[in-house]
Amino acid sequence: MPKSLTWDDAEDIGILLSETHPEIDPLTVRFTDLHRYVTGLPDFHGDPTASNEGKLEAIQMAWHEEVQDRTQG
């Protein structure tokens, strides 16, 4: 059974975003678009209004690290 994701699951969300949007450089994504990408994930069940800049930044950095691992590994 897939995990039900919330805003606190930055690493898992970062992995999913790297798989869902492999063509995007996470460091170029605006937080408004990042919010839309996260809430659009099938396994995301968090409150869309519960995000904040810190949570979005953590997700963006986790996504960036995942891209780095994939492209340099």
PDB file of N, CA and C in Angstrom:
ATOM      1  N   MET A   1       0.845  -1.190   0.000  1.00  0.00           N
ATOM      2  CA  MET A   1       0.000   0.000   0.000  1.00  0.00           C
ATOM      3  C   MET A   1       0.888   1.251   0.000  1.00  0.00           C
ATOM      4  N   PRO A   2       0.654   2.197  -0.923  1.00  0.00           N
ATOM      5  CA  PRO A   2       1.479   3.403  -0.981  1.00  0.00           C
ATOM      6  C   PRO A   2       1.315   4.250   0.277  1.00  0.00           C
ATOM      7  N   LYS A   3       2.377   4.933   0.594  1.00  0.00           N
ATOM      8  CA  LYS A   3       2.372   5.817   1.756  1.00  0.00           C
ATOM      9  C   LYS A   3       1.543   7.054   1.452  1.00  0.00           C
ATOM     10  N   SER A   4       0.789   7.497   2.416  1.00  0.00           N
ATOM     11  CA  SER A   4       0.036   8.731   2.304  1.00  0.00           C
ATOM     12  C   SER A   4       0.971   9.885   2.677  1.00  0.00           C
ATOM     13  N   LEU A   5       1.300  10.734   1.710  1.00  0.00           N
ATOM     14  CA  LEU A   5       2.294  11.784   1.909  1.00  0.00           C
ATOM     15  C   LEU A   5       1.683  13.077   2.436  1.00  0.00           C
ATOM     16  N   THR A   6       2.469  13.774   3.265  1.00  0.00           N
ATOM     17  CA  THR A   6       2.100  15.099   3.754  1.00  0.00           C
ATOM     18  C   THR A   6       3.282  16.029   3.516  1.00  0.00           C
ATOM     19  N   TRP A   7       3.130  17.284   3.903  1.00  0.00           N
ATOM     20  CA  TRP A   7       4.188  18.277   3.706  1.00  0.00           C
ATOM     21  C   TRP A   7       5.471  17.919   4.436  1.00  0.00           C
ATOM     22  N   ASP A   8       5.406  17.054   5.427  1.00  0.00           N
ATOM     23  CA  ASP A   8       6.595  16.682   6.199  1.00  0.00           C
ATOM     24  C   ASP A   8       7.424  15.579   5.545  1.00  0.00           C
ATOM     25  N   ASP A   9       6.977  15.047   4.421  1.00  0.00           N
ATOM     26  CA  ASP A   9       7.668  13.948   3.744  1.00  0.00           C
ATOM     27  C   ASP A   9       8.506  14.459   2.577  1.00  0.00           C
ATOM     28  N   ALA A  10       9.372  15.431   2.862  1.00  0.00           N
ATOM     29  CA  ALA A  10      10.141  16.102   1.811  1.00  0.00           C
ATOM     30  C   ALA A  10      10.955  15.136   0.963  1.00  0.00           C
ATOM     31  N   GLU A  11      11.633  14.184   1.582  1.00  0.00           N
ATOM     32  CA  GLU A  11      12.487  13.278   0.805  1.00  0.00           C
ATOM     33  C   GLU A  11      11.666  12.400  -0.134  1.00  0.00           C
ATOM     34  N   ASP A  12      10.589  11.836   0.364  1.00  0.00           N
ATOM     35  CA  ASP A  12       9.738  10.988  -0.483  1.00  0.00           C
ATOM     36  C   ASP A  12       9.109  11.799  -1.613  1.00  0.00           C
ATOM     37  N   ILE A  13       8.681  13.010  -1.304  1.00  0.00           N
ATOM     38  CA  ILE A  13       8.095  13.869  -2.334  1.00  0.00           C
ATOM     39  C   ILE A  13       9.157  14.259  -3.355  1.00  0.00           C
ATOM     40  N   GLY A  14      10.370  14.553  -2.899  1.00  0.00           N
ATOM     41  CA  GLY A  14      11.455  14.886  -3.819  1.00  0.00           C
ATOM     42  C   GLY A  14      11.735  13.766  -4.806  1.00  0.00           C
ATOM     43  N   ILE A  15      11.711  12.531  -4.321  1.00  0.00           N
ATOM     44  CA  ILE A  15      11.924  11.373  -5.198  1.00  0.00           C
ATOM     45  C   ILE A  15      10.805  11.280  -6.228  1.00  0.00           C
ATOM     46  N   LEU A  16       9.570  11.406  -5.770  1.00  0.00           N
ATOM     47  CA  LEU A  16       8.439  11.324  -6.695  1.00  0.00           C
ATOM     48  C   LEU A  16       8.462  12.440  -7.730  1.00  0.00           C
ATOM     49  N   LEU A  17       8.807  13.649  -7.312  1.00  0.00           N
ATOM     50  CA  LEU A  17       8.867  14.757  -8.266  1.00  0.00           C
ATOM     51  C   LEU A  17       9.963  14.543  -9.300  1.00  0.00           C
ATOM     52  N   SER A  18      11.086  13.961  -8.888  1.00  0.00           N
ATOM     53  CA  SER A  18      12.163  13.713  -9.849  1.00  0.00           C
ATOM     54  C   SER A  18      11.741  12.658 -10.871  1.00  0.00           C
ATOM     55  N   GLU A  19      10.889  11.734 -10.451  1.00  0.00           N
ATOM     56  CA  GLU A  19      10.383  10.712 -11.374  1.00  0.00           C
ATOM     57  C   GLU A  19       9.268  11.260 -12.255  1.00  0.00           C
ATOM     58  N   THR A  20       8.440  12.127 -11.688  1.00  0.00           N
ATOM     59  CA  THR A  20       7.286  12.671 -12.401  1.00  0.00           C
ATOM     60  C   THR A  20       7.671  13.778 -13.374  1.00  0.00           C
ATOM     61  N   HIS A  21       8.678  14.553 -13.009  1.00  0.00           N
ATOM     62  CA  HIS A  21       9.099  15.706 -13.828  1.00  0.00           C
ATOM     63  C   HIS A  21      10.611  15.654 -14.074  1.00  0.00           C
ATOM     64  N   PRO A  22      11.091  14.624 -14.781  1.00  0.00           N
ATOM     65  CA  PRO A  22      12.544  14.473 -14.966  1.00  0.00           C
ATOM     66  C   PRO A  22      13.177  15.579 -15.802  1.00  0.00           C
ATOM     67  N   GLU A  23      12.376  16.297 -16.564  1.00  0.00           N
ATOM     68  CA  GLU A  23      12.901  17.333 -17.452  1.00  0.00           C
ATOM     69  C   GLU A  23      13.072  18.680 -16.764  1.00  0.00           C
ATOM     70  N   ILE A  24      12.620  18.798 -15.520  1.00  0.00           N
ATOM     71  CA  ILE A  24      12.628  20.088 -14.826  1.00  0.00           C
ATOM     72  C   ILE A  24      13.815  20.189 -13.870  1.00  0.00           C
ATOM     73  N   ASP A  25      14.474  21.339 -13.908  1.00  0.00           N
ATOM     74  CA  ASP A  25      15.504  21.660 -12.922  1.00  0.00           C
ATOM     75  C   ASP A  25      14.783  22.213 -11.697  1.00  0.00           C
ATOM     76  N   PRO A  26      14.815  21.484 -10.569  1.00  0.00           N
ATOM     77  CA  PRO A  26      14.052  21.908  -9.396  1.00  0.00           C
ATOM     78  C   PRO A  26      14.411  23.309  -8.898  1.00  0.00           C
ATOM     79  N   LEU A  27      15.626  23.755  -9.148  1.00  0.00           N
ATOM     80  CA  LEU A  27      16.037  25.069  -8.654  1.00  0.00           C
ATOM     81  C   LEU A  27      15.429  26.217  -9.457  1.00  0.00           C
ATOM     82  N   THR A  28      14.776  25.894 -10.569  1.00  0.00           N
ATOM     83  CA  THR A  28      14.126  26.928 -11.373  1.00  0.00           C
ATOM     84  C   THR A  28      12.620  26.996 -11.119  1.00  0.00           C
ATOM     85  N   VAL A  29      12.109  26.137 -10.257  1.00  0.00           N
ATOM     86  CA  VAL A  29      10.669  26.054 -10.019  1.00  0.00           C
ATOM     87  C   VAL A  29      10.232  27.096  -8.986  1.00  0.00           C
ATOM     88  N   ARG A  30       9.226  27.874  -9.349  1.00  0.00           N
ATOM     89  CA  ARG A  30       8.645  28.819  -8.393  1.00  0.00           C
ATOM     90  C   ARG A  30       7.838  28.040  -7.354  1.00  0.00           C
ATOM     91  N   PHE A  31       7.755  28.583  -6.152  1.00  0.00           N
ATOM     92  CA  PHE A  31       7.036  27.882  -5.089  1.00  0.00           C
ATOM     93  C   PHE A  31       5.562  27.680  -5.427  1.00  0.00           C
ATOM     94  N   THR A  32       4.958  28.590  -6.187  1.00  0.00           N
ATOM     95  CA  THR A  32       3.556  28.399  -6.571  1.00  0.00           C
ATOM     96  C   THR A  32       3.401  27.165  -7.457  1.00  0.00           C
ATOM     97  N   ASP A  33       4.363  26.969  -8.373  1.00  0.00           N
ATOM     98  CA  ASP A  33       4.326  25.778  -9.225  1.00  0.00           C
ATOM     99  C   ASP A  33       4.671  24.528  -8.419  1.00  0.00           C
ATOM    100  N   LEU A  34       5.643  24.634  -7.528  1.00  0.00           N
ATOM    101  CA  LEU A  34       6.021  23.496  -6.692  1.00  0.00           C
ATOM    102  C   LEU A  34       4.822  23.045  -5.862  1.00  0.00           C
ATOM    103  N   HIS A  35       4.092  23.981  -5.299  1.00  0.00           N
ATOM    104  CA  HIS A  35       2.894  23.661  -4.520  1.00  0.00           C
ATOM    105  C   HIS A  35       1.916  22.861  -5.383  1.00  0.00           C
ATOM    106  N   ARG A  36       1.722  23.300  -6.614  1.00  0.00           N
ATOM    107  CA  ARG A  36       0.810  22.619  -7.541  1.00  0.00           C
ATOM    108  C   ARG A  36       1.311  21.217  -7.870  1.00  0.00           C
ATOM    109  N   TYR A  37       2.623  21.069  -8.095  1.00  0.00           N
ATOM    110  CA  TYR A  37       3.185  19.746  -8.379  1.00  0.00           C
ATOM    111  C   TYR A  37       2.990  18.795  -7.209  1.00  0.00           C
ATOM    112  N   VAL A  38       3.237  19.289  -6.004  1.00  0.00           N
ATOM    113  CA  VAL A  38       3.124  18.439  -4.817  1.00  0.00           C
ATOM    114  C   VAL A  38       1.680  18.016  -4.589  1.00  0.00           C
ATOM    115  N   THR A  39       0.771  18.975  -4.600  1.00  0.00           N
ATOM    116  CA  THR A  39      -0.627  18.638  -4.334  1.00  0.00           C
ATOM    117  C   THR A  39      -1.232  17.791  -5.448  1.00  0.00           C
ATOM    118  N   GLY A  40      -0.594  17.775  -6.612  1.00  0.00           N
ATOM    119  CA  GLY A  40      -1.057  16.950  -7.720  1.00  0.00           C
ATOM    120  C   GLY A  40      -0.561  15.513  -7.681  1.00  0.00           C
ATOM    121  N   LEU A  41       0.356  15.207  -6.773  1.00  0.00           N
ATOM    122  CA  LEU A  41       0.845  13.828  -6.665  1.00  0.00           C
ATOM    123  C   LEU A  41      -0.272  12.920  -6.158  1.00  0.00           C
ATOM    124  N   PRO A  42      -0.444  11.738  -6.758  1.00  0.00           N
ATOM    125  CA  PRO A  42      -1.531  10.850  -6.356  1.00  0.00           C
ATOM    126  C   PRO A  42      -1.487  10.436  -4.882  1.00  0.00           C
ATOM    127  N   ASP A  43      -0.294  10.299  -4.319  1.00  0.00           N
ATOM    128  CA  ASP A  43      -0.167   9.838  -2.937  1.00  0.00           C
ATOM    129  C   ASP A  43      -0.169  10.976  -1.922  1.00  0.00           C
ATOM    130  N   PHE A  44      -0.297  12.221  -2.395  1.00  0.00           N
ATOM    131  CA  PHE A  44      -0.278  13.343  -1.466  1.00  0.00           C
ATOM    132  C   PHE A  44      -1.668  13.543  -0.867  1.00  0.00           C
ATOM    133  N   HIS A  45      -1.718  13.494   0.457  1.00  0.00           N
ATOM    134  CA  HIS A  45      -2.988  13.656   1.159  1.00  0.00           C
ATOM    135  C   HIS A  45      -2.911  14.727   2.245  1.00  0.00           C
ATOM    136  N   GLY A  46      -1.911  15.583   2.166  1.00  0.00           N
ATOM    137  CA  GLY A  46      -1.777  16.662   3.136  1.00  0.00           C
ATOM    138  C   GLY A  46      -2.764  17.785   2.856  1.00  0.00           C
ATOM    139  N   ASP A  47      -2.904  18.653   3.812  1.00  0.00           N
ATOM    140  CA  ASP A  47      -3.768  19.818   3.679  1.00  0.00           C
ATOM    141  C   ASP A  47      -3.082  20.827   2.759  1.00  0.00           C
ATOM    142  N   PRO A  48      -3.681  21.141   1.612  1.00  0.00           N
ATOM    143  CA  PRO A  48      -3.042  22.084   0.683  1.00  0.00           C
ATOM    144  C   PRO A  48      -2.733  23.443   1.301  1.00  0.00           C
ATOM    145  N   THR A  49      -3.467  23.828   2.330  1.00  0.00           N
ATOM    146  CA  THR A  49      -3.245  25.133   2.950  1.00  0.00           C
ATOM    147  C   THR A  49      -2.187  25.092   4.047  1.00  0.00           C
ATOM    148  N   ALA A  50      -1.659  23.899   4.340  1.00  0.00           N
ATOM    149  CA  ALA A  50      -0.700  23.758   5.442  1.00  0.00           C
ATOM    150  C   ALA A  50       0.754  23.925   5.009  1.00  0.00           C
ATOM    151  N   SER A  51       0.983  24.247   3.752  1.00  0.00           N
ATOM    152  CA  SER A  51       2.367  24.435   3.304  1.00  0.00           C
ATOM    153  C   SER A  51       2.862  25.801   3.747  1.00  0.00           C
ATOM    154  N   ASN A  52       4.175  25.923   3.774  1.00  0.00           N
ATOM    155  CA  ASN A  52       4.793  27.216   4.044  1.00  0.00           C
ATOM    156  C   ASN A  52       6.127  27.239   3.306  1.00  0.00           C
ATOM    157  N   GLU A  53       6.795  28.367   3.347  1.00  0.00           N
ATOM    158  CA  GLU A  53       8.046  28.520   2.599  1.00  0.00           C
ATOM    159  C   GLU A  53       9.089  27.488   3.022  1.00  0.00           C
ATOM    160  N   GLY A  54       9.188  27.217   4.312  1.00  0.00           N
ATOM    161  CA  GLY A  54      10.169  26.251   4.811  1.00  0.00           C
ATOM    162  C   GLY A  54       9.910  24.847   4.298  1.00  0.00           C
ATOM    163  N   LYS A  55       8.650  24.434   4.290  1.00  0.00           N
ATOM    164  CA  LYS A  55       8.311  23.090   3.810  1.00  0.00           C
ATOM    165  C   LYS A  55       8.558  22.978   2.309  1.00  0.00           C
ATOM    166  N   LEU A  56       8.181  24.011   1.565  1.00  0.00           N
ATOM    167  CA  LEU A  56       8.407  23.994   0.120  1.00  0.00           C
ATOM    168  C   LEU A  56       9.900  24.002  -0.207  1.00  0.00           C
ATOM    169  N   GLU A  57      10.662  24.760   0.554  1.00  0.00           N
ATOM    170  CA  GLU A  57      12.107  24.794   0.321  1.00  0.00           C
ATOM    171  C   GLU A  57      12.733  23.428   0.615  1.00  0.00           C
ATOM    172  N   ALA A  58      12.286  22.766   1.672  1.00  0.00           N
ATOM    173  CA  ALA A  58      12.806  21.433   1.999  1.00  0.00           C
ATOM    174  C   ALA A  58      12.490  20.443   0.889  1.00  0.00           C
ATOM    175  N   ILE A  59      11.294  20.541   0.330  1.00  0.00           N
ATOM    176  CA  ILE A  59      10.914  19.656  -0.778  1.00  0.00           C
ATOM    177  C   ILE A  59      11.748  19.966  -2.013  1.00  0.00           C
ATOM    178  N   GLN A  60      11.925  21.248  -2.302  1.00  0.00           N
ATOM    179  CA  GLN A  60      12.727  21.645  -3.459  1.00  0.00           C
ATOM    180  C   GLN A  60      14.168  21.131  -3.334  1.00  0.00           C
ATOM    181  N   MET A  61      14.744  21.230  -2.159  1.00  0.00           N
ATOM    182  CA  MET A  61      16.115  20.768  -1.949  1.00  0.00           C
ATOM    183  C   MET A  61      16.197  19.240  -2.024  1.00  0.00           C
ATOM    184  N   ALA A  62      15.197  18.543  -1.512  1.00  0.00           N
ATOM    185  CA  ALA A  62      15.177  17.085  -1.614  1.00  0.00           C
ATOM    186  C   ALA A  62      15.066  16.664  -3.078  1.00  0.00           C
ATOM    187  N   TRP A  63      14.257  17.361  -3.847  1.00  0.00           N
ATOM    188  CA  TRP A  63      14.105  17.100  -5.276  1.00  0.00           C
ATOM    189  C   TRP A  63      15.436  17.359  -5.982  1.00  0.00           C
ATOM    190  N   HIS A  64      16.070  18.469  -5.655  1.00  0.00           N
ATOM    191  CA  HIS A  64      17.362  18.809  -6.254  1.00  0.00           C
ATOM    192  C   HIS A  64      18.414  17.739  -5.931  1.00  0.00           C
ATOM    193  N   GLU A  65      18.469  17.305  -4.686  1.00  0.00           N
ATOM    194  CA  GLU A  65      19.427  16.260  -4.299  1.00  0.00           C
ATOM    195  C   GLU A  65      19.166  14.961  -5.038  1.00  0.00           C
ATOM    196  N   GLU A  66      17.916  14.623  -5.234  1.00  0.00           N
ATOM    197  CA  GLU A  66      17.571  13.408  -5.962  1.00  0.00           C
ATOM    198  C   GLU A  66      18.013  13.509  -7.418  1.00  0.00           C
ATOM    199  N   VAL A  67      17.826  14.660  -8.025  1.00  0.00           N
ATOM    200  CA  VAL A  67      18.279  14.871  -9.412  1.00  0.00           C
ATOM    201  C   VAL A  67      19.796  14.763  -9.474  1.00  0.00           C
ATOM    202  N   GLN A  68      20.489  15.361  -8.505  1.00  0.00           N
ATOM    203  CA  GLN A  68      21.935  15.280  -8.469  1.00  0.00           C
ATOM    204  C   GLN A  68      22.404  13.827  -8.343  1.00  0.00           C
ATOM    205  N   ASP A  69      21.771  13.081  -7.479  1.00  0.00           N
ATOM    206  CA  ASP A  69      22.135  11.669  -7.290  1.00  0.00           C
ATOM    207  C   ASP A  69      21.931  10.879  -8.580  1.00  0.00           C
ATOM    208  N   ARG A  70      20.868  11.164  -9.286  1.00  0.00           N
ATOM    209  CA  ARG A  70      20.561  10.425 -10.537  1.00  0.00           C
ATOM    210  C   ARG A  70      21.511  10.795 -11.668  1.00  0.00           C
ATOM    211  N   THR A  71      21.876  12.065 -11.752  1.00  0.00           N
ATOM    212  CA  THR A  71      22.686  12.495 -12.884  1.00  0.00           C
ATOM    213  C   THR A  71      24.179  12.322 -12.643  1.00  0.00           C
ATOM    214  N   GLN A  72      24.588  12.240 -11.383  1.00  0.00           N
ATOM    215  CA  GLN A  72      26.016  12.083 -11.091  1.00  0.00           C
ATOM    216  C   GLN A  72      26.364  10.687 -10.602  1.00  0.00           C
ATOM    217  N   GLY A  73      25.337   9.859 -10.431  1.00  0.00           N
ATOM    218  CA  GLY A  73      25.579   8.514  -9.896  1.00  0.00           C
ATOM    219  C   GLY A  73      25.803   7.556 -10.927  1.00  0.00           C
TER     220      GLY A  73
END
